[in-house]
Protein backbone atom coordinates (compact mmCIF):
# COMPACT_ATOMS: atom_id res chain seq x y z
CA MET A 1 41.13 24.65 -31.36
CA GLY A 2 43.25 22.53 -29.10
CA ILE A 3 46.48 21.38 -30.75
CA THR A 4 48.82 18.77 -29.30
CA PHE A 5 52.01 17.77 -31.12
CA ASN A 6 53.95 14.78 -29.76
CA GLY A 7 52.16 15.19 -26.45
CA ILE A 8 52.94 18.91 -26.06
CA ALA A 9 50.06 21.38 -26.15
CA GLN A 10 50.63 24.13 -28.71
CA SER A 11 49.45 27.69 -28.36
CA ASN A 12 46.19 28.31 -30.18
CA GLU A 13 47.43 29.83 -33.38
CA ALA A 14 45.22 31.98 -35.57
CA LEU A 15 43.93 30.13 -38.61
CA GLU A 16 46.19 32.14 -40.93
CA ASP A 17 49.22 31.15 -38.81
CA PHE A 18 48.39 27.44 -38.83
CA ALA A 19 50.20 26.86 -42.14
CA SER A 20 53.51 27.93 -40.58
CA LEU A 21 52.82 25.75 -37.53
CA LEU A 22 52.12 22.80 -39.81
CA GLY A 23 55.34 23.58 -41.69
CA ARG A 24 57.27 23.21 -38.43
CA PHE A 25 55.51 19.91 -37.71
CA ASP A 26 56.38 18.67 -41.20
CA LEU A 27 60.10 18.89 -40.38
CA GLU A 28 59.62 15.87 -38.10
CA GLN A 29 59.61 12.50 -39.83
CA LYS A 30 57.75 10.78 -36.97
CA PHE A 31 54.96 12.41 -35.02
CA GLU A 32 51.54 12.24 -33.41
CA LEU A 33 49.29 15.27 -33.93
CA TRP A 34 45.90 15.86 -32.29
CA ILE A 35 43.55 18.74 -33.00
CA SER A 36 40.24 19.13 -31.21
CA ALA A 37 37.39 21.49 -32.06
CA SER A 38 35.08 23.24 -29.62
CA GLY A 39 32.17 20.99 -30.69
CA GLY A 40 33.96 17.85 -29.49
CA GLN A 41 35.31 16.62 -32.84
CA SER A 42 38.97 15.58 -33.07
CA ILE A 43 41.38 14.64 -35.81
CA SER A 44 44.66 12.84 -35.32
CA MET A 45 47.58 12.26 -37.67
CA LEU A 46 50.28 9.66 -37.20
CA ARG A 47 53.35 9.89 -39.41
CA ASN A 48 56.40 7.72 -39.92
CA GLY A 49 58.45 9.02 -42.86
CA SER A 50 56.35 8.83 -46.01
CA ASN A 51 53.60 6.85 -44.25
CA ALA A 52 50.79 8.81 -42.64
CA TRP A 53 47.12 8.36 -41.82
CA LEU A 54 44.30 10.15 -40.02
CA MET A 55 41.67 9.27 -37.47
CA TYR A 56 38.52 11.37 -37.15
CA LEU A 57 36.38 11.33 -34.00
CA ARG A 58 32.94 12.97 -33.89
CA PHE A 59 32.89 13.13 -30.08
CA GLU A 60 34.85 11.85 -27.09
CA GLY A 61 34.47 8.08 -26.85
CA ASP A 62 33.58 7.70 -30.57
CA SER A 63 35.14 4.63 -32.21
CA GLY A 64 35.89 6.96 -35.10
CA SER A 65 36.94 6.47 -38.66
CA VAL A 66 40.35 6.17 -40.27
CA THR A 67 41.58 7.06 -43.72
CA LYS A 68 41.51 4.42 -46.40
CA GLY A 69 44.50 4.39 -48.72
CA ALA A 70 45.13 2.70 -52.04
CA GLN A 71 47.14 -0.25 -50.68
CA ASP A 72 45.20 -3.47 -50.30
CA HIS A 73 47.74 -5.81 -48.69
CA ASP A 74 48.24 -6.59 -45.01
CA ALA A 75 51.62 -4.88 -44.53
CA THR A 76 52.00 -2.66 -41.47
CA CYS A 77 54.11 0.24 -40.27
CA THR A 78 55.15 1.20 -36.76
CA TYR A 79 54.39 4.62 -35.29
CA MET A 80 55.77 6.26 -32.16
CA LEU A 81 53.01 7.68 -29.98
CA ALA A 82 53.53 10.77 -27.86
CA ASN A 83 53.81 8.64 -24.70
CA GLY A 84 56.71 6.66 -26.19
CA GLN A 85 54.60 3.61 -27.01
CA VAL A 86 55.22 2.05 -30.42
CA ASP A 87 52.11 0.78 -32.21
CA GLU A 88 51.70 -0.97 -35.53
CA TYR A 89 48.95 -0.02 -37.99
CA PRO A 90 48.00 -1.21 -41.49
CA LEU A 91 49.60 0.55 -44.45
CA ARG A 92 46.20 0.36 -46.15
CA TRP A 93 45.15 3.26 -43.87
CA CYS A 94 47.91 5.49 -45.28
CA ILE A 95 47.21 8.35 -47.63
CA PRO A 96 49.62 10.92 -49.13
CA ILE A 97 50.94 13.35 -46.53
CA ASP A 98 49.66 16.32 -48.55
CA GLN A 99 46.14 14.89 -48.32
CA CYS A 100 46.53 14.54 -44.55
CA TYR A 101 47.43 18.22 -44.37
CA GLU A 102 44.49 19.18 -46.61
CA ALA A 103 42.13 17.26 -44.31
CA ILE A 104 43.62 18.97 -41.26
CA ALA A 105 43.29 22.41 -42.86
CA HIS A 106 39.64 21.61 -43.68
CA PHE A 107 39.05 20.50 -40.10
CA ILE A 108 40.37 23.83 -38.84
CA ARG A 109 38.56 25.98 -41.43
CA THR A 110 35.23 24.30 -40.69
CA ASN A 111 35.71 24.04 -36.91
CA GLY A 112 35.66 20.25 -36.83
CA GLY A 113 34.32 19.15 -40.22
CA ARG A 114 35.46 15.89 -41.78
CA TYR A 115 37.21 16.23 -45.13
CA ASP A 116 35.29 14.13 -47.65
CA LEU A 117 37.84 14.29 -50.48
CA VAL A 118 39.66 11.36 -48.89
CA ALA A 119 38.16 7.93 -48.31
CA TRP A 120 37.25 7.02 -44.73
CA GLN A 121 36.38 3.70 -43.09
CA GLU A 122 34.95 2.99 -39.66
CA SER A 123 37.64 1.82 -37.27
């Protein structure tokens, strides 16, 4: 697995050590996390405080899918990308942070599988 946190490549931790790595990431209120599997799948998490969402890509160049949260209005939230760029995304993509972490753990356990216990929508 390739892991990049705020633009910095992380050492490939063993699966059993990933929980502690994720715990260190969780200390940051704003971040961009990318994890890529050997089969070409990737998952990304953007977080700003209590707002977080995921993007899942099946292969490089895929338009991907994003999480679908419970909010149905057009409000947005800004997120700081690893390159310093600030982008705005809909709050309706946000899901609870714990669910983001569950989806990431599933991705790692299954070597790139998409977690189907959260709702996804094509982006």
